[in-house]
Amino acid sequence: MIKFLIPKEEKYFEHFDEMIDNTFEMAKLIKQLFQNSTFDFELQNKIFSLEKRCDEISDKILKRLNKTFITPFDREDIINLSHRIESISDSLKALASRFEVLNIDRKIEGVQKLTDIIYIQIKNLHEAVYELKHRNNTVNLCKTVQDLESEADMVYKESTKNLFANEKDPITLIKNKEILDMLEKTVDKSQLVANAILTIYVKNS
């Protein structure tokens, strides 16, 4: 009787898989959004919908924790991983929103490289989350995400340096710097997800 009252542990892994699926799709759309010469509202709406779905799944995880006696790993680690993935989706939504609000009408140096790095980071996180249940190749995938953060840091610094050296219009400088800052923070948030996954891996090995 008791086993029917305890939700299956596998549901947590399903929720994490779905969250990272949506976040990975958002990363693809952000790349497209910044590649386009004109702002694409359809892409933005898709990004907003995916972010909302991530929020809903995060809420499901918290509600499930209130009913579950046995969890696949520590409750605080479940909450932390959920919040970290949700934080990336929040950042991607914010990027889509600011891109529209700031009316960015020309390419910004470094943005293409940073969106590529974010995409590759989340691609690796996507695989790492899927492997979390079986703990296969998790460390290597997370290490790749961490290494990409260092690469992004160099791109960000060089792009910011060139922006201040070459951009004469103060309004454009402020807008472009904000976009670069937001991308750099998204890279950092991806690294935090990798750290959260590694913590789970180490504690449960």
N, C-alpha and C. Protein backbone atom coordinates (compact mmCIF):
# COMPACT_ATOMS: atom_id res chain seq x y z
N MET A 1 0.83 -1.21 0.00
CA MET A 1 0.00 0.00 0.00
C MET A 1 0.86 1.26 0.00
N ILE A 2 1.93 1.25 0.84
CA ILE A 2 2.75 2.45 0.98
C ILE A 2 3.39 2.85 -0.35
N LYS A 3 3.84 1.85 -1.12
CA LYS A 3 4.55 2.19 -2.37
C LYS A 3 3.67 2.95 -3.35
N PHE A 4 2.35 2.78 -3.23
CA PHE A 4 1.45 3.52 -4.11
C PHE A 4 1.25 4.96 -3.64
N LEU A 5 1.59 5.24 -2.39
CA LEU A 5 1.45 6.59 -1.85
C LEU A 5 2.70 7.43 -2.11
N ILE A 6 3.80 6.78 -2.43
CA ILE A 6 5.05 7.49 -2.67
C ILE A 6 5.25 7.69 -4.17
N PRO A 7 5.29 8.95 -4.64
CA PRO A 7 5.50 9.19 -6.08
C PRO A 7 6.81 8.58 -6.54
N LYS A 8 6.82 8.08 -7.77
CA LYS A 8 8.03 7.45 -8.29
C LYS A 8 9.17 8.47 -8.40
N GLU A 9 10.37 8.05 -8.03
CA GLU A 9 11.53 8.91 -8.09
C GLU A 9 11.82 9.37 -9.52
N GLU A 10 11.50 8.52 -10.48
CA GLU A 10 11.80 8.83 -11.87
C GLU A 10 11.16 10.14 -12.34
N LYS A 11 10.10 10.55 -11.69
CA LYS A 11 9.41 11.78 -12.10
C LYS A 11 10.33 12.99 -12.01
N TYR A 12 11.22 13.02 -11.02
CA TYR A 12 12.14 14.15 -10.92
C TYR A 12 13.04 14.22 -12.14
N PHE A 13 13.55 13.10 -12.56
CA PHE A 13 14.40 13.07 -13.74
C PHE A 13 13.62 13.50 -14.98
N GLU A 14 12.36 13.09 -15.07
CA GLU A 14 11.52 13.50 -16.19
C GLU A 14 11.32 15.01 -16.19
N HIS A 15 11.10 15.58 -15.00
CA HIS A 15 10.92 17.03 -14.90
C HIS A 15 12.20 17.77 -15.32
N PHE A 16 13.35 17.29 -14.84
CA PHE A 16 14.61 17.94 -15.21
C PHE A 16 14.86 17.82 -16.72
N ASP A 17 14.56 16.65 -17.27
CA ASP A 17 14.72 16.46 -18.72
C ASP A 17 13.87 17.46 -19.50
N GLU A 18 12.64 17.64 -19.05
CA GLU A 18 11.74 18.55 -19.75
C GLU A 18 12.20 20.00 -19.61
N MET A 19 12.68 20.36 -18.43
CA MET A 19 13.17 21.72 -18.23
C MET A 19 14.36 22.02 -19.14
N ILE A 20 15.31 21.08 -19.20
CA ILE A 20 16.50 21.34 -20.01
C ILE A 20 16.16 21.25 -21.50
N ASP A 21 15.17 20.44 -21.88
CA ASP A 21 14.69 20.42 -23.27
C ASP A 21 14.23 21.81 -23.69
N ASN A 22 13.39 22.42 -22.85
CA ASN A 22 12.84 23.75 -23.14
C ASN A 22 13.94 24.80 -23.17
N THR A 23 14.88 24.70 -22.24
CA THR A 23 15.97 25.68 -22.17
C THR A 23 16.89 25.55 -23.39
N PHE A 24 17.14 24.33 -23.81
CA PHE A 24 17.96 24.10 -25.00
C PHE A 24 17.29 24.68 -26.24
N GLU A 25 15.98 24.51 -26.34
CA GLU A 25 15.23 25.08 -27.46
C GLU A 25 15.30 26.61 -27.43
N MET A 26 15.25 27.19 -26.24
CA MET A 26 15.39 28.64 -26.09
C MET A 26 16.75 29.12 -26.58
N ALA A 27 17.79 28.36 -26.26
CA ALA A 27 19.15 28.72 -26.70
C ALA A 27 19.24 28.74 -28.23
N LYS A 28 18.60 27.76 -28.87
CA LYS A 28 18.57 27.73 -30.34
C LYS A 28 17.88 28.98 -30.89
N LEU A 29 16.75 29.33 -30.28
CA LEU A 29 15.97 30.47 -30.76
C LEU A 29 16.69 31.80 -30.52
N ILE A 30 17.42 31.91 -29.41
CA ILE A 30 18.19 33.12 -29.13
C ILE A 30 19.26 33.32 -30.20
N LYS A 31 19.92 32.23 -30.59
CA LYS A 31 20.90 32.32 -31.67
C LYS A 31 20.27 32.88 -32.94
N GLN A 32 19.09 32.35 -33.28
CA GLN A 32 18.39 32.83 -34.48
C GLN A 32 17.98 34.29 -34.35
N LEU A 33 17.50 34.64 -33.16
CA LEU A 33 17.02 36.01 -32.93
C LEU A 33 18.12 37.03 -33.15
N PHE A 34 19.32 36.74 -32.66
CA PHE A 34 20.42 37.68 -32.78
C PHE A 34 21.09 37.63 -34.15
N GLN A 35 20.83 36.57 -34.91
CA GLN A 35 21.39 36.48 -36.26
C GLN A 35 20.57 37.28 -37.27
N ASN A 36 19.28 37.44 -36.98
CA ASN A 36 18.38 38.11 -37.92
C ASN A 36 18.67 39.60 -38.02
N SER A 37 18.45 40.14 -39.20
CA SER A 37 18.67 41.57 -39.41
C SER A 37 17.51 42.41 -38.87
N THR A 38 16.32 41.81 -38.76
CA THR A 38 15.17 42.50 -38.16
C THR A 38 14.62 41.66 -37.01
N PHE A 39 14.00 42.33 -36.06
CA PHE A 39 13.51 41.62 -34.88
C PHE A 39 12.34 40.70 -35.26
N ASP A 40 12.39 39.47 -34.76
CA ASP A 40 11.39 38.46 -35.07
C ASP A 40 10.50 38.23 -33.86
N PHE A 41 9.29 38.77 -33.90
CA PHE A 41 8.37 38.64 -32.76
C PHE A 41 7.89 37.21 -32.56
N GLU A 42 7.84 36.45 -33.65
CA GLU A 42 7.42 35.05 -33.52
C GLU A 42 8.44 34.26 -32.69
N LEU A 43 9.73 34.51 -32.96
CA LEU A 43 10.77 33.85 -32.17
C LEU A 43 10.68 34.27 -30.70
N GLN A 44 10.46 35.55 -30.49
CA GLN A 44 10.35 36.04 -29.11
C GLN A 44 9.19 35.37 -28.39
N ASN A 45 8.05 35.24 -29.04
CA ASN A 45 6.89 34.61 -28.41
C ASN A 45 7.17 33.15 -28.07
N LYS A 46 7.90 32.46 -28.93
CA LYS A 46 8.26 31.07 -28.66
C LYS A 46 9.17 30.98 -27.43
N ILE A 47 10.11 31.92 -27.34
CA ILE A 47 11.01 31.96 -26.19
C ILE A 47 10.23 32.21 -24.91
N PHE A 48 9.30 33.15 -24.96
CA PHE A 48 8.48 33.46 -23.78
C PHE A 48 7.66 32.24 -23.34
N SER A 49 7.10 31.52 -24.31
CA SER A 49 6.28 30.35 -23.99
C SER A 49 7.12 29.25 -23.34
N LEU A 50 8.32 29.04 -23.85
CA LEU A 50 9.20 28.02 -23.30
C LEU A 50 9.65 28.39 -21.88
N GLU A 51 9.91 29.67 -21.66
CA GLU A 51 10.30 30.11 -20.31
C GLU A 51 9.16 29.90 -19.32
N LYS A 52 7.95 30.18 -19.75
CA LYS A 52 6.79 29.96 -18.88
C LYS A 52 6.65 28.49 -18.53
N ARG A 53 6.91 27.64 -19.50
CA ARG A 53 6.84 26.20 -19.26
C ARG A 53 7.89 25.77 -18.24
N CYS A 54 9.08 26.33 -18.31
CA CYS A 54 10.13 26.03 -17.33
C CYS A 54 9.68 26.42 -15.91
N ASP A 55 9.06 27.57 -15.79
CA ASP A 55 8.54 28.01 -14.49
C ASP A 55 7.51 27.01 -13.96
N GLU A 56 6.64 26.55 -14.83
CA GLU A 56 5.59 25.60 -14.42
C GLU A 56 6.20 24.28 -13.95
N ILE A 57 7.23 23.82 -14.64
CA ILE A 57 7.87 22.56 -14.25
C ILE A 57 8.59 22.72 -12.92
N SER A 58 9.23 23.86 -12.73
CA SER A 58 9.91 24.14 -11.46
C SER A 58 8.91 24.10 -10.30
N ASP A 59 7.74 24.66 -10.52
CA ASP A 59 6.68 24.63 -9.49
C ASP A 59 6.25 23.19 -9.23
N LYS A 60 6.16 22.38 -10.28
CA LYS A 60 5.79 20.97 -10.12
C LYS A 60 6.79 20.24 -9.24
N ILE A 61 8.07 20.54 -9.45
CA ILE A 61 9.12 19.89 -8.67
C ILE A 61 8.97 20.22 -7.19
N LEU A 62 8.73 21.49 -6.89
CA LEU A 62 8.56 21.89 -5.49
C LEU A 62 7.33 21.24 -4.86
N LYS A 63 6.25 21.16 -5.60
CA LYS A 63 5.04 20.52 -5.09
C LYS A 63 5.26 19.04 -4.87
N ARG A 64 6.00 18.41 -5.77
CA ARG A 64 6.28 16.97 -5.63
C ARG A 64 7.13 16.71 -4.39
N LEU A 65 8.05 17.62 -4.12
CA LEU A 65 8.90 17.45 -2.93
C LEU A 65 8.09 17.43 -1.65
N ASN A 66 6.99 18.17 -1.64
CA ASN A 66 6.14 18.20 -0.44
C ASN A 66 5.38 16.90 -0.23
N LYS A 67 5.33 16.06 -1.27
CA LYS A 67 4.59 14.80 -1.17
C LYS A 67 5.51 13.57 -1.13
N THR A 68 6.78 13.78 -1.45
CA THR A 68 7.69 12.66 -1.60
C THR A 68 8.48 12.40 -0.33
N PHE A 69 8.49 11.14 0.12
CA PHE A 69 9.26 10.76 1.29
C PHE A 69 10.68 10.36 0.89
N ILE A 70 10.79 9.72 -0.26
CA ILE A 70 12.08 9.25 -0.73
C ILE A 70 12.41 9.94 -2.04
N THR A 71 13.55 10.62 -2.08
CA THR A 71 13.97 11.34 -3.29
C THR A 71 15.24 10.70 -3.85
N PRO A 72 15.48 10.85 -5.16
CA PRO A 72 16.66 10.21 -5.76
C PRO A 72 17.99 10.77 -5.27
N PHE A 73 17.97 12.05 -4.83
CA PHE A 73 19.13 12.65 -4.16
C PHE A 73 18.63 13.76 -3.25
N ASP A 74 19.54 14.43 -2.55
CA ASP A 74 19.15 15.37 -1.49
C ASP A 74 18.16 16.41 -1.99
N ARG A 75 17.21 16.73 -1.13
CA ARG A 75 16.17 17.70 -1.49
C ARG A 75 16.75 19.05 -1.88
N GLU A 76 17.75 19.51 -1.11
CA GLU A 76 18.33 20.81 -1.42
C GLU A 76 19.01 20.81 -2.78
N ASP A 77 19.55 19.66 -3.20
CA ASP A 77 20.18 19.56 -4.51
C ASP A 77 19.12 19.56 -5.63
N ILE A 78 17.99 18.95 -5.36
CA ILE A 78 16.88 18.96 -6.32
C ILE A 78 16.39 20.40 -6.53
N ILE A 79 16.20 21.10 -5.42
CA ILE A 79 15.74 22.49 -5.49
C ILE A 79 16.77 23.37 -6.19
N ASN A 80 18.03 23.17 -5.85
CA ASN A 80 19.10 23.98 -6.43
C ASN A 80 19.20 23.78 -7.93
N LEU A 81 19.17 22.52 -8.38
CA LEU A 81 19.27 22.25 -9.82
C LEU A 81 18.07 22.84 -10.57
N SER A 82 16.89 22.69 -10.00
CA SER A 82 15.69 23.25 -10.61
C SER A 82 15.80 24.76 -10.75
N HIS A 83 16.23 25.43 -9.69
CA HIS A 83 16.35 26.88 -9.70
C HIS A 83 17.43 27.35 -10.67
N ARG A 84 18.52 26.59 -10.74
CA ARG A 84 19.62 26.97 -11.64
C ARG A 84 19.20 26.88 -13.11
N ILE A 85 18.50 25.80 -13.47
CA ILE A 85 18.03 25.68 -14.86
C ILE A 85 17.01 26.78 -15.16
N GLU A 86 16.12 27.01 -14.21
CA GLU A 86 15.11 28.06 -14.37
C GLU A 86 15.76 29.42 -14.56
N SER A 87 16.88 29.63 -13.86
CA SER A 87 17.59 30.90 -13.95
C SER A 87 18.14 31.14 -15.36
N ILE A 88 18.62 30.08 -16.02
CA ILE A 88 19.08 30.23 -17.41
C ILE A 88 17.91 30.62 -18.30
N SER A 89 16.78 29.94 -18.14
CA SER A 89 15.61 30.25 -18.98
C SER A 89 15.14 31.69 -18.75
N ASP A 90 15.23 32.16 -17.50
CA ASP A 90 14.88 33.55 -17.19
C ASP A 90 15.80 34.52 -17.94
N SER A 91 17.09 34.19 -17.96
CA SER A 91 18.07 35.06 -18.62
C SER A 91 17.84 35.10 -20.13
N LEU A 92 17.52 33.94 -20.71
CA LEU A 92 17.27 33.89 -22.15
C LEU A 92 16.02 34.69 -22.53
N LYS A 93 15.00 34.59 -21.68
CA LYS A 93 13.80 35.40 -21.91
C LYS A 93 14.13 36.89 -21.81
N ALA A 94 14.92 37.26 -20.79
CA ALA A 94 15.29 38.66 -20.60
C ALA A 94 16.08 39.18 -21.79
N LEU A 95 16.94 38.35 -22.36
CA LEU A 95 17.70 38.75 -23.55
C LEU A 95 16.78 39.05 -24.72
N ALA A 96 15.80 38.18 -24.94
CA ALA A 96 14.85 38.38 -26.03
C ALA A 96 14.06 39.68 -25.82
N SER A 97 13.71 39.94 -24.59
CA SER A 97 12.94 41.14 -24.26
C SER A 97 13.78 42.41 -24.46
N ARG A 98 15.02 42.40 -23.95
CA ARG A 98 15.86 43.59 -24.03
C ARG A 98 16.28 43.88 -25.48
N PHE A 99 16.47 42.82 -26.25
CA PHE A 99 16.82 42.98 -27.66
C PHE A 99 15.75 43.80 -28.38
N GLU A 100 14.49 43.54 -28.01
CA GLU A 100 13.39 44.31 -28.60
C GLU A 100 13.33 45.73 -28.04
N VAL A 101 13.35 45.84 -26.71
CA VAL A 101 13.19 47.13 -26.04
C VAL A 101 14.30 48.12 -26.43
N LEU A 102 15.53 47.60 -26.52
CA LEU A 102 16.66 48.47 -26.85
C LEU A 102 16.73 48.79 -28.34
N ASN A 103 15.89 48.10 -29.13
CA ASN A 103 15.83 48.34 -30.57
C ASN A 103 17.21 48.22 -31.23
N ILE A 104 17.84 47.09 -30.97
CA ILE A 104 19.16 46.83 -31.55
C ILE A 104 19.00 46.63 -33.06
N ASP A 105 19.62 47.51 -33.85
CA ASP A 105 19.40 47.48 -35.29
C ASP A 105 20.65 47.12 -36.09
N ARG A 106 21.73 46.73 -35.40
CA ARG A 106 22.93 46.30 -36.11
C ARG A 106 23.70 45.30 -35.25
N LYS A 107 24.56 44.54 -35.91
CA LYS A 107 25.29 43.47 -35.23
C LYS A 107 26.25 44.06 -34.20
N ILE A 108 26.38 43.37 -33.08
CA ILE A 108 27.28 43.78 -32.01
C ILE A 108 28.46 42.81 -31.99
N GLU A 109 29.66 43.36 -32.00
CA GLU A 109 30.86 42.50 -31.96
C GLU A 109 30.84 41.60 -30.73
N GLY A 110 31.06 40.32 -30.92
CA GLY A 110 31.13 39.38 -29.82
C GLY A 110 29.84 38.66 -29.52
N VAL A 111 28.72 39.22 -29.96
CA VAL A 111 27.41 38.63 -29.63
C VAL A 111 27.26 37.26 -30.28
N GLN A 112 27.67 37.14 -31.54
CA GLN A 112 27.54 35.86 -32.23
C GLN A 112 28.35 34.77 -31.53
N LYS A 113 29.58 35.11 -31.14
CA LYS A 113 30.43 34.14 -30.44
C LYS A 113 29.83 33.75 -29.09
N LEU A 114 29.29 34.74 -28.37
CA LEU A 114 28.73 34.45 -27.05
C LEU A 114 27.45 33.62 -27.14
N THR A 115 26.60 33.91 -28.13
CA THR A 115 25.39 33.09 -28.28
C THR A 115 25.75 31.67 -28.71
N ASP A 116 26.82 31.54 -29.50
CA ASP A 116 27.30 30.20 -29.88
C ASP A 116 27.78 29.43 -28.65
N ILE A 117 28.52 30.11 -27.80
CA ILE A 117 29.04 29.48 -26.58
C ILE A 117 27.89 29.06 -25.66
N ILE A 118 26.91 29.94 -25.51
CA ILE A 118 25.75 29.61 -24.68
C ILE A 118 25.03 28.39 -25.23
N TYR A 119 24.87 28.36 -26.54
CA TYR A 119 24.22 27.22 -27.19
C TYR A 119 24.98 25.92 -26.91
N ILE A 120 26.30 25.95 -27.07
CA ILE A 120 27.10 24.74 -26.85
C ILE A 120 27.09 24.35 -25.37
N GLN A 121 27.14 25.35 -24.48
CA GLN A 121 27.04 25.06 -23.05
C GLN A 121 25.75 24.31 -22.73
N ILE A 122 24.65 24.85 -23.20
CA ILE A 122 23.36 24.26 -22.87
C ILE A 122 23.18 22.91 -23.58
N LYS A 123 23.78 22.75 -24.74
CA LYS A 123 23.77 21.44 -25.41
C LYS A 123 24.44 20.39 -24.52
N ASN A 124 25.57 20.76 -23.92
CA ASN A 124 26.26 19.84 -23.02
C ASN A 124 25.48 19.62 -21.73
N LEU A 125 24.85 20.68 -21.22
CA LEU A 125 24.01 20.54 -20.03
C LEU A 125 22.81 19.64 -20.33
N HIS A 126 22.28 19.77 -21.53
CA HIS A 126 21.16 18.93 -21.96
C HIS A 126 21.54 17.46 -21.86
N GLU A 127 22.73 17.12 -22.36
CA GLU A 127 23.20 15.74 -22.28
C GLU A 127 23.49 15.34 -20.83
N ALA A 128 24.08 16.26 -20.07
CA ALA A 128 24.45 15.95 -18.68
C ALA A 128 23.22 15.68 -17.83
N VAL A 129 22.16 16.45 -18.03
CA VAL A 129 20.93 16.24 -17.28
C VAL A 129 20.31 14.89 -17.64
N TYR A 130 20.32 14.58 -18.92
CA TYR A 130 19.78 13.28 -19.35
C TYR A 130 20.59 12.12 -18.79
N GLU A 131 21.90 12.34 -18.60
CA GLU A 131 22.76 11.28 -18.07
C GLU A 131 22.76 11.23 -16.54
N LEU A 132 22.11 12.21 -15.92
CA LEU A 132 22.16 12.32 -14.46
C LEU A 132 21.64 11.07 -13.77
N LYS A 133 20.61 10.48 -14.31
CA LYS A 133 20.02 9.29 -13.69
C LYS A 133 21.00 8.13 -13.69
N HIS A 134 21.80 8.01 -14.75
CA HIS A 134 22.72 6.88 -14.88
C HIS A 134 24.17 7.27 -14.58
N ARG A 135 24.39 8.60 -14.48
CA ARG A 135 25.72 9.14 -14.15
C ARG A 135 26.79 8.72 -15.17
N ASN A 136 26.40 8.70 -16.43
CA ASN A 136 27.34 8.36 -17.50
C ASN A 136 27.89 9.63 -18.13
N ASN A 137 29.21 9.79 -18.13
CA ASN A 137 29.87 10.90 -18.82
C ASN A 137 29.50 12.27 -18.26
N THR A 138 28.89 12.30 -17.09
CA THR A 138 28.42 13.57 -16.52
C THR A 138 29.57 14.53 -16.26
N VAL A 139 30.66 14.05 -15.72
CA VAL A 139 31.79 14.91 -15.36
C VAL A 139 32.37 15.58 -16.59
N ASN A 140 32.60 14.83 -17.66
CA ASN A 140 33.19 15.39 -18.88
C ASN A 140 32.30 16.46 -19.50
N LEU A 141 31.01 16.21 -19.50
CA LEU A 141 30.07 17.18 -20.07
C LEU A 141 30.08 18.48 -19.27
N CYS A 142 30.08 18.37 -17.96
CA CYS A 142 30.10 19.56 -17.09
C CYS A 142 31.43 20.30 -17.18
N LYS A 143 32.52 19.53 -17.34
CA LYS A 143 33.84 20.16 -17.50
C LYS A 143 33.88 20.98 -18.77
N THR A 144 33.26 20.51 -19.83
CA THR A 144 33.20 21.26 -21.08
C THR A 144 32.49 22.59 -20.87
N VAL A 145 31.38 22.57 -20.13
CA VAL A 145 30.63 23.79 -19.83
C VAL A 145 31.50 24.78 -19.06
N GLN A 146 32.26 24.29 -18.10
CA GLN A 146 33.14 25.15 -17.32
C GLN A 146 34.25 25.75 -18.18
N ASP A 147 34.82 24.95 -19.07
CA ASP A 147 35.88 25.45 -19.96
C ASP A 147 35.35 26.53 -20.90
N LEU A 148 34.11 26.35 -21.35
CA LEU A 148 33.50 27.34 -22.25
C LEU A 148 33.29 28.68 -21.54
N GLU A 149 33.10 28.64 -20.24
CA GLU A 149 32.94 29.89 -19.48
C GLU A 149 34.20 30.73 -19.57
N SER A 150 35.36 30.08 -19.50
CA SER A 150 36.64 30.79 -19.62
C SER A 150 36.79 31.39 -21.01
N GLU A 151 36.39 30.66 -22.03
CA GLU A 151 36.45 31.16 -23.41
C GLU A 151 35.52 32.37 -23.58
N ALA A 152 34.33 32.27 -23.01
CA ALA A 152 33.36 33.38 -23.10
C ALA A 152 33.88 34.62 -22.39
N ASP A 153 34.59 34.42 -21.30
CA ASP A 153 35.14 35.54 -20.54
C ASP A 153 36.12 36.34 -21.40
N MET A 154 36.93 35.64 -22.18
CA MET A 154 37.89 36.32 -23.06
C MET A 154 37.16 37.06 -24.18
N VAL A 155 36.12 36.44 -24.74
CA VAL A 155 35.34 37.09 -25.81
C VAL A 155 34.67 38.34 -25.26
N TYR A 156 34.10 38.24 -24.08
CA TYR A 156 33.41 39.37 -23.45
C TYR A 156 34.37 40.53 -23.21
N LYS A 157 35.53 40.23 -22.65
CA LYS A 157 36.50 41.29 -22.33
C LYS A 157 36.99 41.99 -23.60
N GLU A 158 37.31 41.20 -24.64
CA GLU A 158 37.80 41.77 -25.89
C GLU A 158 36.72 42.60 -26.58
N SER A 159 35.49 42.10 -26.58
CA SER A 159 34.38 42.81 -27.23
C SER A 159 34.07 44.11 -26.49
N THR A 160 34.10 44.06 -25.17
CA THR A 160 33.84 45.27 -24.37
C THR A 160 34.93 46.30 -24.57
N LYS A 161 36.16 45.83 -24.59
CA LYS A 161 37.30 46.73 -24.82
C LYS A 161 37.16 47.44 -26.17
N ASN A 162 36.84 46.68 -27.21
CA ASN A 162 36.69 47.26 -28.55
C ASN A 162 35.48 48.19 -28.63
N LEU A 163 34.43 47.85 -27.91
CA LEU A 163 33.23 48.70 -27.89
C LEU A 163 33.56 50.09 -27.36
N PHE A 164 34.26 50.13 -26.23
CA PHE A 164 34.61 51.43 -25.63
C PHE A 164 35.64 52.18 -26.47
N ALA A 165 36.47 51.44 -27.20
CA ALA A 165 37.50 52.09 -28.01
C ALA A 165 36.93 52.67 -29.31
N ASN A 166 35.91 52.00 -29.86
CA ASN A 166 35.46 52.36 -31.21
C ASN A 166 34.09 53.01 -31.32
N GLU A 167 33.20 52.76 -30.35
CA GLU A 167 31.84 53.30 -30.46
C GLU A 167 31.80 54.75 -29.98
N LYS A 168 31.37 55.64 -30.85
CA LYS A 168 31.36 57.08 -30.52
C LYS A 168 30.00 57.54 -29.99
N ASP A 169 28.96 56.81 -30.36
CA ASP A 169 27.63 57.21 -29.90
C ASP A 169 27.36 56.63 -28.51
N PRO A 170 27.15 57.50 -27.49
CA PRO A 170 27.01 57.00 -26.12
C PRO A 170 25.78 56.11 -25.90
N ILE A 171 24.69 56.41 -26.61
CA ILE A 171 23.47 55.59 -26.45
C ILE A 171 23.71 54.19 -26.99
N THR A 172 24.31 54.09 -28.16
CA THR A 172 24.62 52.79 -28.74
C THR A 172 25.58 52.02 -27.85
N LEU A 173 26.56 52.73 -27.30
CA LEU A 173 27.53 52.09 -26.41
C LEU A 173 26.83 51.47 -25.20
N ILE A 174 25.92 52.22 -24.59
CA ILE A 174 25.20 51.73 -23.41
C ILE A 174 24.35 50.51 -23.75
N LYS A 175 23.64 50.58 -24.88
CA LYS A 175 22.77 49.47 -25.29
C LYS A 175 23.58 48.21 -25.58
N ASN A 176 24.65 48.37 -26.35
CA ASN A 176 25.46 47.21 -26.71
C ASN A 176 26.15 46.59 -25.50
N LYS A 177 26.60 47.45 -24.59
CA LYS A 177 27.24 46.96 -23.37
C LYS A 177 26.24 46.17 -22.53
N GLU A 178 25.01 46.61 -22.47
CA GLU A 178 24.00 45.88 -21.69
C GLU A 178 23.78 44.48 -22.26
N ILE A 179 23.68 44.38 -23.58
CA ILE A 179 23.49 43.07 -24.21
C ILE A 179 24.68 42.16 -23.93
N LEU A 180 25.88 42.67 -24.05
CA LEU A 180 27.08 41.88 -23.76
C LEU A 180 27.10 41.42 -22.31
N ASP A 181 26.72 42.31 -21.41
CA ASP A 181 26.68 41.97 -19.98
C ASP A 181 25.68 40.84 -19.72
N MET A 182 24.52 40.93 -20.35
CA MET A 182 23.49 39.92 -20.14
C MET A 182 23.92 38.56 -20.68
N LEU A 183 24.59 38.57 -21.81
CA LEU A 183 25.09 37.31 -22.38
C LEU A 183 26.15 36.69 -21.48
N GLU A 184 27.03 37.53 -20.97
CA GLU A 184 28.09 37.04 -20.09
C GLU A 184 27.52 36.42 -18.82
N LYS A 185 26.47 37.04 -18.28
CA LYS A 185 25.82 36.51 -17.08
C LYS A 185 25.10 35.18 -17.37
N THR A 186 24.57 35.05 -18.58
CA THR A 186 23.92 33.79 -18.97
C THR A 186 24.94 32.66 -19.04
N VAL A 187 26.13 32.98 -19.55
CA VAL A 187 27.22 32.00 -19.57
C VAL A 187 27.55 31.55 -18.15
N ASP A 188 27.64 32.51 -17.24
CA ASP A 188 27.93 32.20 -15.83
C ASP A 188 26.85 31.30 -15.22
N LYS A 189 25.60 31.56 -15.58
CA LYS A 189 24.50 30.77 -15.03
C LYS A 189 24.54 29.33 -15.56
N SER A 190 25.01 29.17 -16.77
CA SER A 190 25.17 27.82 -17.32
C SER A 190 26.23 27.06 -16.54
N GLN A 191 27.29 27.77 -16.17
CA GLN A 191 28.34 27.13 -15.38
C GLN A 191 27.79 26.71 -14.01
N LEU A 192 26.91 27.51 -13.44
CA LEU A 192 26.32 27.17 -12.14
C LEU A 192 25.47 25.91 -12.22
N VAL A 193 24.80 25.70 -13.36
CA VAL A 193 24.06 24.45 -13.54
C VAL A 193 25.02 23.27 -13.58
N ALA A 194 26.14 23.45 -14.30
CA ALA A 194 27.16 22.39 -14.35
C ALA A 194 27.68 22.08 -12.96
N ASN A 195 27.91 23.11 -12.16
CA ASN A 195 28.37 22.92 -10.79
C ASN A 195 27.35 22.15 -9.96
N ALA A 196 26.07 22.48 -10.15
CA ALA A 196 25.00 21.80 -9.41
C ALA A 196 24.94 20.32 -9.77
N ILE A 197 25.11 20.01 -11.04
CA ILE A 197 25.09 18.62 -11.50
C ILE A 197 26.29 17.86 -10.93
N LEU A 198 27.46 18.50 -10.95
CA LEU A 198 28.66 17.86 -10.41
C LEU A 198 28.52 17.59 -8.91
N THR A 199 27.90 18.51 -8.20
CA THR A 199 27.67 18.31 -6.77
C THR A 199 26.83 17.07 -6.52
N ILE A 200 25.77 16.92 -7.30
CA ILE A 200 24.91 15.73 -7.19
C ILE A 200 25.71 14.47 -7.51
N TYR A 201 26.52 14.56 -8.56
CA TYR A 201 27.31 13.39 -8.98
C TYR A 201 28.28 12.96 -7.87
N VAL A 202 29.00 13.93 -7.31
CA VAL A 202 30.01 13.63 -6.27
C VAL A 202 29.34 13.08 -5.01
N LYS A 203 28.26 13.69 -4.60
CA LYS A 203 27.58 13.26 -3.35
C LYS A 203 26.93 11.90 -3.47
N ASN A 204 26.63 11.48 -4.70
CA ASN A 204 25.91 10.21 -4.88
C ASN A 204 26.74 9.13 -5.57
N SER A 205 28.04 9.38 -5.71
CA SER A 205 28.91 8.38 -6.34
C SER A 205 29.26 7.27 -5.36
